[in-house]
Amino acid sequence: MSLEKRYLQRSRATILGAAVLGLVITFAIAPTFVKTTTAQPASKERPLTYSLADVLGRPHTAQEVSKSKAAVFLFVAAECPISNRYAPEINRIVADYRAQSFVFYGVHSDPDLEREAARKHASEYGFQFPVLLDPLQTLAATFGVTLTPTVVVASPSGDLIYRGRIDNRYLDFGRYRNAGIASDLRLVLDAVSAGRVVTVPFTKSIGCAIPQAHKRGPAGVSASRAQMNHGE
């Protein structure tokens, strides 16, 4: 093989390696805040099922939504500033639509959030609806939710009607509009209440990434906690 061909092959290998390394570095330093997700929930061959406790320790299952027009799952986070800023609007929406046979739930999918901290958060922000603890991210995975705040509207049978932002107030981190705000969630609930088709079932959320659920070892101890205990 000629020196020219060897050099060309070596150059191609170097470029490919640099590209792969660049991707690894990019994902390794990715910030906690992300703008949106394109993950799609898996198609369901059976009705939605879950059994989760709320911040007061009360159990909740999918059977509770069987007689509602739709279930509204509001994925929030105790330490996400964007999520917390939406608390007043969340409370207004719940007050305006609860009487129309919608069932509302807050959802904490942070695996490290303790029940007492979640209960205190719900109390401080005036949530007058069940706030579910989803540490294994059953609901988050079912509906393809990876950041907060994200709202999911599902039919009583568990079919996804809408997933995305509450409204279009936020343009980006630190950039938001004060006028011309379109309330995506209100538009969706109005459509469902009137029996109309939701024409925009997905919108882009802006918020904070949900931490990954811990993998459980044979003794039921999370992998991250076990590594910490062993100094790894």
Protein backbone atom coordinates (compact mmCIF):
# COMPACT_ATOMS: atom_id res chain seq x y z
CA MET A 1 0.00 0.00 0.00
CA SER A 2 1.35 3.42 -0.94
CA LEU A 3 2.22 6.03 1.66
CA GLU A 4 -0.48 8.30 0.22
CA LYS A 5 -3.21 5.68 0.77
CA ARG A 6 -1.97 4.94 4.30
CA TYR A 7 -2.03 8.63 5.14
CA LEU A 8 -5.56 8.98 3.74
CA GLN A 9 -6.84 6.02 5.79
CA ARG A 10 -5.14 7.33 8.92
CA SER A 11 -6.64 10.80 8.38
CA ARG A 12 -10.14 9.36 7.97
CA ALA A 13 -9.74 7.33 11.17
CA THR A 14 -8.53 10.42 13.05
CA ILE A 15 -11.48 12.52 11.86
CA LEU A 16 -13.98 9.80 12.78
CA GLY A 17 -12.44 9.40 16.24
CA ALA A 18 -12.55 13.15 16.83
CA ALA A 19 -16.19 13.27 15.81
CA VAL A 20 -17.11 10.47 18.22
CA LEU A 21 -15.12 12.09 21.02
CA GLY A 22 -16.89 15.39 20.35
CA LEU A 23 -20.28 13.74 20.73
CA VAL A 24 -19.23 12.09 24.00
CA ILE A 25 -17.95 15.39 25.41
CA THR A 26 -21.10 17.21 24.30
CA PHE A 27 -23.40 14.79 26.13
CA ALA A 28 -21.11 14.63 29.16
CA ILE A 29 -21.28 18.38 29.76
CA ALA A 30 -24.92 18.85 28.77
CA PRO A 31 -26.66 21.17 31.26
CA THR A 32 -29.51 20.12 33.52
CA PHE A 33 -31.80 22.55 31.71
CA VAL A 34 -33.12 21.40 28.37
CA LYS A 35 -35.57 23.10 26.05
CA THR A 36 -37.72 20.32 24.75
CA THR A 37 -38.06 16.62 24.13
CA THR A 38 -39.04 14.68 21.06
CA ALA A 39 -39.54 11.39 22.90
CA GLN A 40 -42.82 9.76 22.01
CA PRO A 41 -44.77 7.54 24.39
CA ALA A 42 -44.94 3.92 23.36
CA SER A 43 -48.18 2.83 21.77
CA LYS A 44 -50.37 1.14 24.36
CA GLU A 45 -52.09 -2.15 23.69
CA ARG A 46 -53.87 -2.03 27.04
CA PRO A 47 -55.43 0.70 29.21
CA LEU A 48 -53.25 2.96 31.33
CA THR A 49 -52.39 1.34 34.66
CA TYR A 50 -50.53 2.75 37.63
CA SER A 51 -50.63 2.67 41.40
CA LEU A 52 -48.96 5.64 43.07
CA ALA A 53 -49.17 7.37 46.42
CA ASP A 54 -49.60 11.11 46.76
CA VAL A 55 -47.66 13.40 49.07
CA LEU A 56 -50.09 12.62 51.91
CA GLY A 57 -49.61 8.87 51.49
CA ARG A 58 -52.99 8.24 49.87
CA PRO A 59 -53.05 5.64 47.06
CA HIS A 60 -54.21 6.50 43.54
CA THR A 61 -54.84 4.31 40.51
CA ALA A 62 -55.91 4.81 36.91
CA GLN A 63 -59.43 3.68 37.84
CA GLU A 64 -60.03 7.13 39.34
CA VAL A 65 -60.16 8.72 35.88
CA SER A 66 -62.53 6.19 34.30
CA LYS A 67 -65.58 8.47 34.61
CA SER A 68 -63.83 11.76 33.79
CA LYS A 69 -63.61 13.58 30.47
CA ALA A 70 -59.83 13.41 30.72
CA ALA A 71 -57.00 13.22 33.22
CA VAL A 72 -54.54 16.09 33.41
CA PHE A 73 -51.07 15.20 34.70
CA LEU A 74 -48.96 18.24 35.60
CA PHE A 75 -45.30 17.20 35.86
CA VAL A 76 -43.61 19.62 38.24
CA ALA A 77 -40.36 19.85 40.18
CA ALA A 78 -39.67 21.35 43.59
CA GLU A 79 -36.40 22.99 42.56
CA CYS A 80 -37.22 24.06 38.99
CA PRO A 81 -37.78 27.84 38.87
CA ILE A 82 -39.79 27.72 35.65
CA SER A 83 -42.04 25.01 37.05
CA ASN A 84 -42.59 26.96 40.26
CA ARG A 85 -43.43 30.16 38.39
CA TYR A 86 -46.31 28.34 36.71
CA ALA A 87 -47.90 27.37 40.04
CA PRO A 88 -50.38 30.30 40.09
CA GLU A 89 -51.57 29.56 36.55
CA ILE A 90 -51.79 25.85 37.33
CA ASN A 91 -54.04 26.64 40.30
CA ARG A 92 -56.22 28.93 38.19
CA ILE A 93 -56.64 26.28 35.50
CA VAL A 94 -57.58 23.63 38.06
CA ALA A 95 -60.14 25.99 39.62
CA ASP A 96 -61.62 26.84 36.22
CA TYR A 97 -61.89 23.32 34.80
CA ARG A 98 -62.29 20.93 37.70
CA ALA A 99 -66.09 21.28 37.62
CA GLN A 100 -66.09 20.19 33.96
CA SER A 101 -65.30 16.58 34.85
CA PHE A 102 -61.53 16.86 34.45
CA VAL A 103 -59.29 15.11 36.98
CA PHE A 104 -56.05 16.87 37.88
CA TYR A 105 -52.85 15.43 39.31
CA GLY A 106 -49.48 16.92 40.03
CA VAL A 107 -46.61 14.51 39.42
CA HIS A 108 -43.12 14.51 40.95
CA SER A 109 -40.85 12.14 38.99
CA ASP A 110 -37.62 13.14 40.73
CA PRO A 111 -36.35 9.87 42.27
CA ASP A 112 -34.50 11.73 45.05
CA LEU A 113 -37.41 13.85 46.26
CA GLU A 114 -38.60 12.79 49.70
CA ARG A 115 -42.31 12.69 50.48
CA GLU A 116 -42.10 15.35 53.16
CA ALA A 117 -40.29 17.75 50.81
CA ALA A 118 -42.93 17.11 48.14
CA ARG A 119 -45.73 17.65 50.67
CA LYS A 120 -44.17 20.95 51.80
CA HIS A 121 -43.78 22.06 48.19
CA ALA A 122 -47.43 21.31 47.39
CA SER A 123 -48.53 23.22 50.50
CA GLU A 124 -46.33 26.25 49.80
CA TYR A 125 -47.58 26.58 46.22
CA GLY A 126 -51.23 26.03 47.11
CA PHE A 127 -51.87 22.85 45.12
CA GLN A 128 -55.43 21.78 45.94
CA PHE A 129 -55.27 18.51 44.00
CA PRO A 130 -53.44 15.20 44.49
CA VAL A 131 -49.71 15.39 43.87
CA LEU A 132 -48.35 11.96 42.98
CA LEU A 133 -44.90 10.62 43.76
CA ASP A 134 -43.46 8.85 40.71
CA PRO A 135 -39.90 7.92 41.79
CA LEU A 136 -39.67 4.98 39.37
CA GLN A 137 -40.98 7.32 36.64
CA THR A 138 -43.86 5.06 35.67
CA LEU A 139 -45.98 7.94 34.40
CA ALA A 140 -43.04 9.89 32.99
CA ALA A 141 -41.93 6.91 30.90
CA THR A 142 -45.47 6.04 29.83
CA PHE A 143 -46.08 9.49 28.40
CA GLY A 144 -42.53 10.31 27.25
CA VAL A 145 -42.02 13.18 29.70
CA THR A 146 -38.41 14.19 30.35
CA LEU A 147 -38.64 17.73 31.74
CA THR A 148 -40.72 19.99 33.95
CA PRO A 149 -43.06 21.69 33.65
CA THR A 150 -44.82 19.43 31.17
CA VAL A 151 -48.54 18.74 31.06
CA VAL A 152 -50.13 15.55 29.76
CA VAL A 153 -53.82 15.21 28.99
CA ALA A 154 -54.98 11.62 28.65
CA SER A 155 -58.33 10.02 27.92
CA PRO A 156 -59.96 7.77 30.55
CA SER A 157 -58.59 4.78 28.61
CA GLY A 158 -55.06 6.20 28.75
CA ASP A 159 -54.75 7.47 25.17
CA LEU A 160 -52.54 10.53 24.86
CA ILE A 161 -54.53 13.64 23.89
CA TYR A 162 -51.90 16.30 24.50
CA ARG A 163 -48.35 16.63 25.80
CA GLY A 164 -46.35 19.83 26.07
CA ARG A 165 -46.27 23.29 27.58
CA ILE A 166 -48.91 24.99 29.71
CA ASP A 167 -48.72 28.12 27.56
CA ASN A 168 -46.27 29.85 25.24
CA ARG A 169 -45.06 32.45 27.74
CA TYR A 170 -41.44 31.23 27.71
CA LEU A 171 -39.45 31.75 24.52
CA ASP A 172 -36.21 30.45 26.00
CA PHE A 173 -34.40 30.51 29.32
CA GLY A 174 -34.60 34.05 30.62
CA ARG A 175 -36.73 35.14 27.64
CA TYR A 176 -40.50 35.34 27.88
CA ARG A 177 -43.41 37.33 26.52
CA ASN A 178 -45.81 39.45 28.58
CA ALA A 179 -48.40 39.89 25.84
CA GLY A 180 -50.00 37.68 23.23
CA ILE A 181 -49.80 34.62 25.47
CA ALA A 182 -51.67 31.57 24.16
CA SER A 183 -52.78 29.12 26.83
CA ASP A 184 -52.20 25.79 25.10
CA LEU A 185 -53.59 23.77 27.98
CA ARG A 186 -56.79 25.82 28.22
CA LEU A 187 -57.32 25.46 24.47
CA VAL A 188 -56.92 21.69 24.76
CA LEU A 189 -59.34 21.41 27.68
CA ASP A 190 -61.88 23.58 25.88
CA ALA A 191 -61.66 21.29 22.85
CA VAL A 192 -62.05 18.12 24.92
CA SER A 193 -64.95 19.60 26.87
CA ALA A 194 -66.74 20.50 23.60
CA GLY A 195 -66.02 17.13 22.01
CA ARG A 196 -63.71 18.63 19.38
CA VAL A 197 -60.50 17.10 18.07
CA VAL A 198 -57.31 18.55 19.55
CA THR A 199 -55.53 19.83 16.45
CA VAL A 200 -52.15 20.43 18.13
CA PRO A 201 -51.43 17.39 20.31
CA PHE A 202 -47.74 18.22 20.91
CA THR A 203 -45.97 21.46 21.81
CA LYS A 204 -42.43 22.21 22.94
CA SER A 205 -41.86 22.55 26.67
CA ILE A 206 -39.10 24.67 28.18
CA GLY A 207 -37.90 23.70 31.63
CA CYS A 208 -35.70 21.47 33.75
CA ALA A 209 -34.62 17.92 32.97
CA ILE A 210 -36.08 15.19 35.17
CA PRO A 211 -33.25 13.26 36.88
CA GLN A 212 -32.95 9.66 35.75
CA ALA A 213 -34.52 7.01 37.96
CA HIS A 214 -32.05 4.96 39.95
CA LYS A 215 -31.38 1.40 38.87
CA ARG A 216 -32.12 -1.06 41.64
CA GLY A 217 -29.56 -3.66 42.65
CA PRO A 218 -30.34 -7.17 43.94
CA ALA A 219 -30.69 -5.87 47.49
CA GLY A 220 -33.07 -3.10 46.46
CA VAL A 221 -30.43 -0.40 46.83
CA SER A 222 -30.12 2.16 44.09
CA ALA A 223 -26.97 1.95 42.00
CA SER A 224 -26.03 5.58 42.55
CA ARG A 225 -26.42 5.26 46.33
CA ALA A 226 -24.39 2.04 46.39
CA GLN A 227 -21.59 3.70 44.41
CA MET A 228 -21.59 6.66 46.78
CA ASN A 229 -21.31 4.36 49.78
CA HIS A 230 -18.32 2.63 48.19
CA GLY A 231 -16.69 5.88 47.17
CA GLU A 232 -16.96 5.12 43.45
